[in-house]
Amino acid sequence: MGVSPRRVFLKNQKTLWGSCSSRGNLNFNRALADAPPEVVDYVVIHELAHLKEMNHSRRFWAVVESWCPDQKQSRLWLRQNASRLNPRSLDGATRATPWCRPS
């Protein structure tokens, strides 16, 4: 996508599947580990698209659509199956855990 996140975190979020900070950090909900791969791809693409467009404008959705043509099906799957996904924790930790760091 031609973007580089600053840092990526996995979190035990209660209300978000992912988020992108103004500093370029991406956060992903650990519960996505139980989602189908195409749904995970959609969430990752959605957050990476925020590194190009920090909003939900038509331009933002055009970026998402160009990388994930089936994004509407993934969004629907998340709405219909959210209660089936279980947040994961590592040793009961509730703080953010770095997933990858820049080299």
PDB file of N, CA and C in Angstrom:
ATOM      1  N   MET A   1       0.818  -1.203   0.000  1.00  0.00           N
ATOM      2  CA  MET A   1       0.000   0.000   0.000  1.00  0.00           C
ATOM      3  C   MET A   1       0.855   1.257   0.000  1.00  0.00           C
ATOM      4  N   GLY A   2       2.159   1.095   0.127  1.00  0.00           N
ATOM      5  CA  GLY A   2       3.028   2.258   0.116  1.00  0.00           C
ATOM      6  C   GLY A   2       3.017   3.041   1.411  1.00  0.00           C
ATOM      7  N   VAL A   3       2.657   2.391   2.510  1.00  0.00           N
ATOM      8  CA  VAL A   3       2.646   3.043   3.821  1.00  0.00           C
ATOM      9  C   VAL A   3       3.474   2.212   4.794  1.00  0.00           C
ATOM     10  N   SER A   4       3.948   2.852   5.848  1.00  0.00           N
ATOM     11  CA  SER A   4       4.730   2.162   6.875  1.00  0.00           C
ATOM     12  C   SER A   4       4.238   2.576   8.253  1.00  0.00           C
ATOM     13  N   PRO A   5       3.571   1.660   8.958  1.00  0.00           N
ATOM     14  CA  PRO A   5       3.159   2.006  10.321  1.00  0.00           C
ATOM     15  C   PRO A   5       4.383   2.171  11.211  1.00  0.00           C
ATOM     16  N   ARG A   6       4.255   3.011  12.201  1.00  0.00           N
ATOM     17  CA  ARG A   6       5.348   3.231  13.149  1.00  0.00           C
ATOM     18  C   ARG A   6       5.510   2.005  14.033  1.00  0.00           C
ATOM     19  N   ARG A   7       4.432   1.620  14.705  1.00  0.00           N
ATOM     20  CA  ARG A   7       4.443   0.428  15.567  1.00  0.00           C
ATOM     21  C   ARG A   7       3.089  -0.247  15.445  1.00  0.00           C
ATOM     22  N   VAL A   8       3.056  -1.532  15.739  1.00  0.00           N
ATOM     23  CA  VAL A   8       1.822  -2.308  15.669  1.00  0.00           C
ATOM     24  C   VAL A   8       1.637  -3.020  16.998  1.00  0.00           C
ATOM     25  N   PHE A   9       0.428  -2.906  17.554  1.00  0.00           N
ATOM     26  CA  PHE A   9       0.117  -3.511  18.840  1.00  0.00           C
ATOM     27  C   PHE A   9      -1.096  -4.430  18.729  1.00  0.00           C
ATOM     28  N   LEU A  10      -1.092  -5.475  19.534  1.00  0.00           N
ATOM     29  CA  LEU A  10      -2.276  -6.302  19.746  1.00  0.00           C
ATOM     30  C   LEU A  10      -2.808  -5.947  21.114  1.00  0.00           C
ATOM     31  N   LYS A  11      -4.111  -5.688  21.195  1.00  0.00           N
ATOM     32  CA  LYS A  11      -4.708  -5.280  22.470  1.00  0.00           C
ATOM     33  C   LYS A  11      -5.978  -6.084  22.751  1.00  0.00           C
ATOM     34  N   ASN A  12      -6.378  -6.067  23.991  1.00  0.00           N
ATOM     35  CA  ASN A  12      -7.651  -6.656  24.405  1.00  0.00           C
ATOM     36  C   ASN A  12      -8.691  -5.544  24.411  1.00  0.00           C
ATOM     37  N   GLN A  13      -9.076  -5.091  23.233  1.00  0.00           N
ATOM     38  CA  GLN A  13     -10.022  -3.989  23.118  1.00  0.00           C
ATOM     39  C   GLN A  13     -11.448  -4.498  23.250  1.00  0.00           C
ATOM     40  N   LYS A  14     -12.295  -3.693  23.850  1.00  0.00           N
ATOM     41  CA  LYS A  14     -13.688  -4.100  24.048  1.00  0.00           C
ATOM     42  C   LYS A  14     -14.600  -3.617  22.936  1.00  0.00           C
ATOM     43  N   THR A  15     -14.253  -2.513  22.282  1.00  0.00           N
ATOM     44  CA  THR A  15     -15.185  -1.936  21.316  1.00  0.00           C
ATOM     45  C   THR A  15     -14.605  -1.737  19.923  1.00  0.00           C
ATOM     46  N   LEU A  16     -13.326  -1.926  19.720  1.00  0.00           N
ATOM     47  CA  LEU A  16     -12.714  -1.674  18.415  1.00  0.00           C
ATOM     48  C   LEU A  16     -12.047  -2.925  17.865  1.00  0.00           C
ATOM     49  N   TRP A  17     -12.116  -3.097  16.553  1.00  0.00           N
ATOM     50  CA  TRP A  17     -11.365  -4.183  15.908  1.00  0.00           C
ATOM     51  C   TRP A  17      -9.961  -3.717  15.595  1.00  0.00           C
ATOM     52  N   GLY A  18      -9.808  -2.429  15.365  1.00  0.00           N
ATOM     53  CA  GLY A  18      -8.504  -1.866  15.075  1.00  0.00           C
ATOM     54  C   GLY A  18      -8.574  -0.356  15.171  1.00  0.00           C
ATOM     55  N   SER A  19      -7.414   0.263  15.234  1.00  0.00           N
ATOM     56  CA  SER A  19      -7.357   1.716  15.252  1.00  0.00           C
ATOM     57  C   SER A  19      -5.989   2.159  14.751  1.00  0.00           C
ATOM     58  N   CYS A  20      -5.939   3.420  14.324  1.00  0.00           N
ATOM     59  CA  CYS A  20      -4.709   4.022  13.827  1.00  0.00           C
ATOM     60  C   CYS A  20      -4.547   5.367  14.518  1.00  0.00           C
ATOM     61  N   SER A  21      -3.413   5.576  15.144  1.00  0.00           N
ATOM     62  CA  SER A  21      -3.188   6.848  15.830  1.00  0.00           C
ATOM     63  C   SER A  21      -2.607   7.869  14.859  1.00  0.00           C
ATOM     64  N   SER A  22      -2.662   9.121  15.243  1.00  0.00           N
ATOM     65  CA  SER A  22      -2.108  10.191  14.417  1.00  0.00           C
ATOM     66  C   SER A  22      -0.590  10.071  14.286  1.00  0.00           C
ATOM     67  N   ARG A  23       0.030   9.310  15.165  1.00  0.00           N
ATOM     68  CA  ARG A  23       1.485   9.079  15.101  1.00  0.00           C
ATOM     69  C   ARG A  23       1.839   7.897  14.202  1.00  0.00           C
ATOM     70  N   GLY A  24       0.817   7.229  13.652  1.00  0.00           N
ATOM     71  CA  GLY A  24       1.082   6.117  12.749  1.00  0.00           C
ATOM     72  C   GLY A  24       1.166   4.766  13.419  1.00  0.00           C
ATOM     73  N   ASN A  25       0.727   4.692  14.676  1.00  0.00           N
ATOM     74  CA  ASN A  25       0.695   3.413  15.377  1.00  0.00           C
ATOM     75  C   ASN A  25      -0.618   2.698  15.064  1.00  0.00           C
ATOM     76  N   LEU A  26      -0.547   1.403  14.822  1.00  0.00           N
ATOM     77  CA  LEU A  26      -1.743   0.612  14.560  1.00  0.00           C
ATOM     78  C   LEU A  26      -2.009  -0.306  15.743  1.00  0.00           C
ATOM     79  N   ASN A  27      -3.271  -0.427  16.111  1.00  0.00           N
ATOM     80  CA  ASN A  27      -3.712  -1.317  17.185  1.00  0.00           C
ATOM     81  C   ASN A  27      -4.732  -2.282  16.611  1.00  0.00           C
ATOM     82  N   PHE A  28      -4.618  -3.549  17.007  1.00  0.00           N
ATOM     83  CA  PHE A  28      -5.553  -4.563  16.555  1.00  0.00           C
ATOM     84  C   PHE A  28      -6.059  -5.356  17.741  1.00  0.00           C
ATOM     85  N   ASN A  29      -7.317  -5.705  17.690  1.00  0.00           N
ATOM     86  CA  ASN A  29      -7.963  -6.475  18.730  1.00  0.00           C
ATOM     87  C   ASN A  29      -7.502  -7.933  18.638  1.00  0.00           C
ATOM     88  N   ARG A  30      -7.073  -8.496  19.759  1.00  0.00           N
ATOM     89  CA  ARG A  30      -6.622  -9.891  19.782  1.00  0.00           C
ATOM     90  C   ARG A  30      -7.721 -10.859  19.362  1.00  0.00           C
ATOM     91  N   ALA A  31      -8.973 -10.483  19.560  1.00  0.00           N
ATOM     92  CA  ALA A  31     -10.089 -11.363  19.213  1.00  0.00           C
ATOM     93  C   ALA A  31     -10.131 -11.663  17.720  1.00  0.00           C
ATOM     94  N   LEU A  32      -9.472 -10.841  16.906  1.00  0.00           N
ATOM     95  CA  LEU A  32      -9.447 -11.099  15.471  1.00  0.00           C
ATOM     96  C   LEU A  32      -8.764 -12.420  15.134  1.00  0.00           C
ATOM     97  N   ALA A  33      -8.005 -12.963  16.057  1.00  0.00           N
ATOM     98  CA  ALA A  33      -7.351 -14.251  15.815  1.00  0.00           C
ATOM     99  C   ALA A  33      -8.368 -15.347  15.524  1.00  0.00           C
ATOM    100  N   ASP A  34      -9.606 -15.170  15.973  1.00  0.00           N
ATOM    101  CA  ASP A  34     -10.662 -16.157  15.742  1.00  0.00           C
ATOM    102  C   ASP A  34     -11.500 -15.849  14.503  1.00  0.00           C
ATOM    103  N   ALA A  35     -11.181 -14.782  13.798  1.00  0.00           N
ATOM    104  CA  ALA A  35     -11.939 -14.394  12.606  1.00  0.00           C
ATOM    105  C   ALA A  35     -11.349 -15.070  11.368  1.00  0.00           C
ATOM    106  N   PRO A  36     -12.148 -15.221  10.320  1.00  0.00           N
ATOM    107  CA  PRO A  36     -11.617 -15.765   9.068  1.00  0.00           C
ATOM    108  C   PRO A  36     -10.507 -14.873   8.516  1.00  0.00           C
ATOM    109  N   PRO A  37      -9.549 -15.454   7.802  1.00  0.00           N
ATOM    110  CA  PRO A  37      -8.412 -14.671   7.288  1.00  0.00           C
ATOM    111  C   PRO A  37      -8.822 -13.461   6.435  1.00  0.00           C
ATOM    112  N   GLU A  38      -9.877 -13.596   5.645  1.00  0.00           N
ATOM    113  CA  GLU A  38     -10.281 -12.468   4.802  1.00  0.00           C
ATOM    114  C   GLU A  38     -10.826 -11.313   5.642  1.00  0.00           C
ATOM    115  N   VAL A  39     -11.375 -11.605   6.808  1.00  0.00           N
ATOM    116  CA  VAL A  39     -11.865 -10.562   7.710  1.00  0.00           C
ATOM    117  C   VAL A  39     -10.677  -9.867   8.372  1.00  0.00           C
ATOM    118  N   VAL A  40      -9.693 -10.652   8.785  1.00  0.00           N
ATOM    119  CA  VAL A  40      -8.474 -10.065   9.355  1.00  0.00           C
ATOM    120  C   VAL A  40      -7.805  -9.173   8.311  1.00  0.00           C
ATOM    121  N   ASP A  41      -7.711  -9.670   7.076  1.00  0.00           N
ATOM    122  CA  ASP A  41      -7.120  -8.866   5.998  1.00  0.00           C
ATOM    123  C   ASP A  41      -7.848  -7.537   5.864  1.00  0.00           C
ATOM    124  N   TYR A  42      -9.179  -7.579   5.891  1.00  0.00           N
ATOM    125  CA  TYR A  42      -9.955  -6.346   5.770  1.00  0.00           C
ATOM    126  C   TYR A  42      -9.608  -5.360   6.883  1.00  0.00           C
ATOM    127  N   VAL A  43      -9.551  -5.835   8.129  1.00  0.00           N
ATOM    128  CA  VAL A  43      -9.271  -4.924   9.255  1.00  0.00           C
ATOM    129  C   VAL A  43      -7.873  -4.326   9.110  1.00  0.00           C
ATOM    130  N   VAL A  44      -6.905  -5.138   8.722  1.00  0.00           N
ATOM    131  CA  VAL A  44      -5.536  -4.628   8.532  1.00  0.00           C
ATOM    132  C   VAL A  44      -5.522  -3.591   7.405  1.00  0.00           C
ATOM    133  N   ILE A  45      -6.156  -3.893   6.293  1.00  0.00           N
ATOM    134  CA  ILE A  45      -6.223  -2.952   5.172  1.00  0.00           C
ATOM    135  C   ILE A  45      -6.915  -1.664   5.603  1.00  0.00           C
ATOM    136  N   HIS A  46      -8.006  -1.786   6.356  1.00  0.00           N
ATOM    137  CA  HIS A  46      -8.739  -0.622   6.843  1.00  0.00           C
ATOM    138  C   HIS A  46      -7.812   0.296   7.643  1.00  0.00           C
ATOM    139  N   GLU A  47      -7.052  -0.275   8.560  1.00  0.00           N
ATOM    140  CA  GLU A  47      -6.176   0.554   9.400  1.00  0.00           C
ATOM    141  C   GLU A  47      -5.003   1.111   8.603  1.00  0.00           C
ATOM    142  N   LEU A  48      -4.440   0.318   7.698  1.00  0.00           N
ATOM    143  CA  LEU A  48      -3.361   0.836   6.852  1.00  0.00           C
ATOM    144  C   LEU A  48      -3.858   1.979   5.974  1.00  0.00           C
ATOM    145  N   ALA A  49      -5.096   1.895   5.518  1.00  0.00           N
ATOM    146  CA  ALA A  49      -5.671   2.964   4.698  1.00  0.00           C
ATOM    147  C   ALA A  49      -5.725   4.279   5.463  1.00  0.00           C
ATOM    148  N   HIS A  50      -5.837   4.194   6.790  1.00  0.00           N
ATOM    149  CA  HIS A  50      -5.841   5.423   7.593  1.00  0.00           C
ATOM    150  C   HIS A  50      -4.487   6.125   7.550  1.00  0.00           C
ATOM    151  N   LEU A  51      -3.437   5.421   7.187  1.00  0.00           N
ATOM    152  CA  LEU A  51      -2.141   6.076   7.044  1.00  0.00           C
ATOM    153  C   LEU A  51      -2.106   6.931   5.773  1.00  0.00           C
ATOM    154  N   LYS A  52      -3.050   6.709   4.872  1.00  0.00           N
ATOM    155  CA  LYS A  52      -3.193   7.535   3.672  1.00  0.00           C
ATOM    156  C   LYS A  52      -4.272   8.592   3.865  1.00  0.00           C
ATOM    157  N   GLU A  53      -5.378   8.207   4.485  1.00  0.00           N
ATOM    158  CA  GLU A  53      -6.528   9.088   4.721  1.00  0.00           C
ATOM    159  C   GLU A  53      -6.968   8.906   6.172  1.00  0.00           C
ATOM    160  N   MET A  54      -6.735   9.895   7.014  1.00  0.00           N
ATOM    161  CA  MET A  54      -7.031   9.776   8.445  1.00  0.00           C
ATOM    162  C   MET A  54      -8.477  10.148   8.735  1.00  0.00           C
ATOM    163  N   ASN A  55      -9.401   9.498   8.007  1.00  0.00           N
ATOM    164  CA  ASN A  55     -10.821   9.790   8.146  1.00  0.00           C
ATOM    165  C   ASN A  55     -11.587   8.644   7.496  1.00  0.00           C
ATOM    166  N   HIS A  56     -12.882   8.774   7.395  1.00  0.00           N
ATOM    167  CA  HIS A  56     -13.703   7.780   6.694  1.00  0.00           C
ATOM    168  C   HIS A  56     -14.411   8.451   5.506  1.00  0.00           C
ATOM    169  N   SER A  57     -13.651   9.226   4.759  1.00  0.00           N
ATOM    170  CA  SER A  57     -14.178   9.927   3.594  1.00  0.00           C
ATOM    171  C   SER A  57     -14.343   8.965   2.415  1.00  0.00           C
ATOM    172  N   ARG A  58     -14.891   9.472   1.334  1.00  0.00           N
ATOM    173  CA  ARG A  58     -15.007   8.661   0.113  1.00  0.00           C
ATOM    174  C   ARG A  58     -13.633   8.230  -0.383  1.00  0.00           C
ATOM    175  N   ARG A  59     -12.653   9.119  -0.258  1.00  0.00           N
ATOM    176  CA  ARG A  59     -11.285   8.753  -0.684  1.00  0.00           C
ATOM    177  C   ARG A  59     -10.750   7.603   0.167  1.00  0.00           C
ATOM    178  N   PHE A  60     -11.011   7.648   1.477  1.00  0.00           N
ATOM    179  CA  PHE A  60     -10.590   6.554   2.357  1.00  0.00           C
ATOM    180  C   PHE A  60     -11.201   5.236   1.893  1.00  0.00           C
ATOM    181  N   TRP A  61     -12.531   5.221   1.699  1.00  0.00           N
ATOM    182  CA  TRP A  61     -13.207   3.982   1.308  1.00  0.00           C
ATOM    183  C   TRP A  61     -12.765   3.512  -0.068  1.00  0.00           C
ATOM    184  N   ALA A  62     -12.372   4.425  -0.941  1.00  0.00           N
ATOM    185  CA  ALA A  62     -11.836   4.032  -2.255  1.00  0.00           C
ATOM    186  C   ALA A  62     -10.511   3.295  -2.098  1.00  0.00           C
ATOM    187  N   VAL A  63      -9.673   3.758  -1.169  1.00  0.00           N
ATOM    188  CA  VAL A  63      -8.407   3.057  -0.895  1.00  0.00           C
ATOM    189  C   VAL A  63      -8.701   1.654  -0.376  1.00  0.00           C
ATOM    190  N   VAL A  64      -9.597   1.553   0.611  1.00  0.00           N
ATOM    191  CA  VAL A  64      -9.944   0.241   1.177  1.00  0.00           C
ATOM    192  C   VAL A  64     -10.475  -0.668   0.078  1.00  0.00           C
ATOM    193  N   GLU A  65     -11.409  -0.161  -0.704  1.00  0.00           N
ATOM    194  CA  GLU A  65     -12.036  -0.953  -1.771  1.00  0.00           C
ATOM    195  C   GLU A  65     -11.016  -1.427  -2.807  1.00  0.00           C
ATOM    196  N   SER A  66     -10.027  -0.602  -3.095  1.00  0.00           N
ATOM    197  CA  SER A  66      -9.022  -0.983  -4.101  1.00  0.00           C
ATOM    198  C   SER A  66      -8.162  -2.149  -3.622  1.00  0.00           C
ATOM    199  N   TRP A  67      -7.965  -2.258  -2.322  1.00  0.00           N
ATOM    200  CA  TRP A  67      -7.152  -3.341  -1.759  1.00  0.00           C
ATOM    201  C   TRP A  67      -7.991  -4.502  -1.257  1.00  0.00           C
ATOM    202  N   CYS A  68      -9.263  -4.256  -1.006  1.00  0.00           N
ATOM    203  CA  CYS A  68     -10.147  -5.280  -0.436  1.00  0.00           C
ATOM    204  C   CYS A  68     -11.532  -5.144  -1.070  1.00  0.00           C
ATOM    205  N   PRO A  69     -11.686  -5.645  -2.295  1.00  0.00           N
ATOM    206  CA  PRO A  69     -12.971  -5.497  -2.984  1.00  0.00           C
ATOM    207  C   PRO A  69     -14.152  -6.120  -2.238  1.00  0.00           C
ATOM    208  N   ASP A  70     -13.893  -7.108  -1.382  1.00  0.00           N
ATOM    209  CA  ASP A  70     -14.962  -7.766  -0.621  1.00  0.00           C
ATOM    210  C   ASP A  70     -15.143  -7.169   0.769  1.00  0.00           C
ATOM    211  N   GLN A  71     -14.723  -5.921   0.957  1.00  0.00           N
ATOM    212  CA  GLN A  71     -14.743  -5.323   2.297  1.00  0.00           C
ATOM    213  C   GLN A  71     -16.146  -5.261   2.896  1.00  0.00           C
ATOM    214  N   LYS A  72     -17.167  -5.105   2.086  1.00  0.00           N
ATOM    215  CA  LYS A  72     -18.530  -5.035   2.639  1.00  0.00           C
ATOM    216  C   LYS A  72     -18.939  -6.359   3.270  1.00  0.00           C
ATOM    217  N   GLN A  73     -18.543  -7.470   2.667  1.00  0.00           N
ATOM    218  CA  GLN A  73     -18.853  -8.783   3.243  1.00  0.00           C
ATOM    219  C   GLN A  73     -18.115  -8.981   4.566  1.00  0.00           C
ATOM    220  N   SER A  74     -16.872  -8.517   4.641  1.00  0.00           N
ATOM    221  CA  SER A  74     -16.107  -8.638   5.890  1.00  0.00           C
ATOM    222  C   SER A  74     -16.706  -7.773   6.987  1.00  0.00           C
ATOM    223  N   ARG A  75     -17.132  -6.567   6.641  1.00  0.00           N
ATOM    224  CA  ARG A  75     -17.776  -5.696   7.632  1.00  0.00           C
ATOM    225  C   ARG A  75     -19.060  -6.341   8.145  1.00  0.00           C
ATOM    226  N   LEU A  76     -19.842  -6.923   7.240  1.00  0.00           N
ATOM    227  CA  LEU A  76     -21.073  -7.601   7.630  1.00  0.00           C
ATOM    228  C   LEU A  76     -20.756  -8.794   8.519  1.00  0.00           C
ATOM    229  N   TRP A  77     -19.730  -9.572   8.169  1.00  0.00           N
ATOM    230  CA  TRP A  77     -19.353 -10.734   8.981  1.00  0.00           C
ATOM    231  C   TRP A  77     -19.013 -10.283  10.408  1.00  0.00           C
ATOM    232  N   LEU A  78     -18.255  -9.200  10.536  1.00  0.00           N
ATOM    233  CA  LEU A  78     -17.898  -8.695  11.871  1.00  0.00           C
ATOM    234  C   LEU A  78     -19.142  -8.291  12.659  1.00  0.00           C
ATOM    235  N   ARG A  79     -20.077  -7.608  12.020  1.00  0.00           N
ATOM    236  CA  ARG A  79     -21.307  -7.207  12.721  1.00  0.00           C
ATOM    237  C   ARG A  79     -22.102  -8.430  13.173  1.00  0.00           C
ATOM    238  N   GLN A  80     -22.191  -9.432  12.313  1.00  0.00           N
ATOM    239  CA  GLN A  80     -23.014 -10.604  12.617  1.00  0.00           C
ATOM    240  C   GLN A  80     -22.349 -11.592  13.565  1.00  0.00           C
ATOM    241  N   ASN A  81     -21.031 -11.558  13.671  1.00  0.00           N
ATOM    242  CA  ASN A  81     -20.319 -12.581  14.435  1.00  0.00           C
ATOM    243  C   ASN A  81     -19.464 -12.042  15.571  1.00  0.00           C
ATOM    244  N   ALA A  82     -19.602 -10.778  15.891  1.00  0.00           N
ATOM    245  CA  ALA A  82     -18.764 -10.173  16.929  1.00  0.00           C
ATOM    246  C   ALA A  82     -18.824 -10.945  18.245  1.00  0.00           C
ATOM    247  N   SER A  83     -19.993 -11.421  18.616  1.00  0.00           N
ATOM    248  CA  SER A  83     -20.127 -12.109  19.906  1.00  0.00           C
ATOM    249  C   SER A  83     -19.427 -13.465  19.914  1.00  0.00           C
ATOM    250  N   ARG A  84     -19.091 -14.004  18.742  1.00  0.00           N
ATOM    251  CA  ARG A  84     -18.397 -15.294  18.664  1.00  0.00           C
ATOM    252  C   ARG A  84     -16.897 -15.161  18.855  1.00  0.00           C
ATOM    253  N   LEU A  85     -16.383 -13.952  18.741  1.00  0.00           N
ATOM    254  CA  LEU A  85     -14.942 -13.730  18.859  1.00  0.00           C
ATOM    255  C   LEU A  85     -14.588 -13.450  20.308  1.00  0.00           C
ATOM    256  N   ASN A  86     -13.596 -14.150  20.805  1.00  0.00           N
ATOM    257  CA  ASN A  86     -13.206 -14.023  22.209  1.00  0.00           C
ATOM    258  C   ASN A  86     -11.876 -13.297  22.324  1.00  0.00           C
ATOM    259  N   PRO A  87     -11.845 -12.212  23.114  1.00  0.00           N
ATOM    260  CA  PRO A  87     -10.559 -11.527  23.321  1.00  0.00           C
ATOM    261  C   PRO A  87      -9.564 -12.468  23.979  1.00  0.00           C
ATOM    262  N   ARG A  88      -8.358 -12.412  23.524  1.00  0.00           N
ATOM    263  CA  ARG A  88      -7.298 -13.242  24.089  1.00  0.00           C
ATOM    264  C   ARG A  88      -6.430 -12.378  25.005  1.00  0.00           C
ATOM    265  N   SER A  89      -5.889 -13.000  26.011  1.00  0.00           N
ATOM    266  CA  SER A  89      -4.941 -12.284  26.860  1.00  0.00           C
ATOM    267  C   SER A  89      -3.723 -13.165  27.054  1.00  0.00           C
ATOM    268  N   LEU A  90      -2.610 -12.543  27.270  1.00  0.00           N
ATOM    269  CA  LEU A  90      -1.382 -13.268  27.551  1.00  0.00           C
ATOM    270  C   LEU A  90      -1.112 -13.174  29.038  1.00  0.00           C
ATOM    271  N   ASP A  91      -1.193 -14.298  29.722  1.00  0.00           N
ATOM    272  CA  ASP A  91      -0.956 -14.330  31.164  1.00  0.00           C
ATOM    273  C   ASP A  91      -1.804 -13.301  31.903  1.00  0.00           C
ATOM    274  N   GLY A  92      -3.006 -13.055  31.426  1.00  0.00           N
ATOM    275  CA  GLY A  92      -3.900 -12.123  32.089  1.00  0.00           C
ATOM    276  C   GLY A  92      -3.529 -10.664  31.907  1.00  0.00           C
ATOM    277  N   ALA A  93      -2.554 -10.383  31.044  1.00  0.00           N
ATOM    278  CA  ALA A  93      -2.130  -8.994  30.847  1.00  0.00           C
ATOM    279  C   ALA A  93      -3.230  -8.202  30.153  1.00  0.00           C
ATOM    280  N   THR A  94      -3.385  -6.967  30.549  1.00  0.00           N
ATOM    281  CA  THR A  94      -4.373  -6.113  29.897  1.00  0.00           C
ATOM    282  C   THR A  94      -3.712  -4.957  29.160  1.00  0.00           C
ATOM    283  N   ARG A  95      -2.417  -4.797  29.302  1.00  0.00           N
ATOM    284  CA  ARG A  95      -1.746  -3.701  28.617  1.00  0.00           C
ATOM    285  C   ARG A  95      -1.452  -4.093  27.179  1.00  0.00           C
ATOM    286  N   ALA A  96      -1.135  -3.108  26.378  1.00  0.00           N
ATOM    287  CA  ALA A  96      -0.817  -3.362  24.976  1.00  0.00           C
ATOM    288  C   ALA A  96       0.485  -4.131  24.870  1.00  0.00           C
ATOM    289  N   THR A  97       0.542  -5.056  23.959  1.00  0.00           N
ATOM    290  CA  THR A  97       1.744  -5.836  23.708  1.00  0.00           C
ATOM    291  C   THR A  97       2.239  -5.509  22.310  1.00  0.00           C
ATOM    292  N   PRO A  98       3.499  -5.035  22.182  1.00  0.00           N
ATOM    293  CA  PRO A  98       4.002  -4.741  20.840  1.00  0.00           C
ATOM    294  C   PRO A  98       4.006  -6.005  19.988  1.00  0.00           C
ATOM    295  N   TRP A  99       3.507  -5.884  18.768  1.00  0.00           N
ATOM    296  CA  TRP A  99       3.459  -7.019  17.861  1.00  0.00           C
ATOM    297  C   TRP A  99       4.652  -6.966  16.933  1.00  0.00           C
ATOM    298  N   CYS A 100       4.954  -5.799  16.439  1.00  0.00           N
ATOM    299  CA  CYS A 100       6.170  -5.655  15.643  1.00  0.00           C
ATOM    300  C   CYS A 100       6.697  -4.247  15.844  1.00  0.00           C
ATOM    301  N   ARG A 101       7.964  -4.133  15.749  1.00  0.00           N
ATOM    302  CA  ARG A 101       8.619  -2.832  15.912  1.00  0.00           C
ATOM    303  C   ARG A 101       9.447  -2.564  14.674  1.00  0.00           C
ATOM    304  N   PRO A 102       9.625  -1.316  14.337  1.00  0.00           N
ATOM    305  CA  PRO A 102      10.478  -1.025  13.174  1.00  0.00           C
ATOM    306  C   PRO A 102      11.901  -1.454  13.430  1.00  0.00           C
ATOM    307  N   SER A 103      12.579  -1.863  12.376  1.00  0.00           N
ATOM    308  CA  SER A 103      13.985  -2.285  12.549  1.00  0.00           C
ATOM    309  C   SER A 103      14.920  -1.104  12.494  1.00  0.00           C
TER     310      SER A 103
END
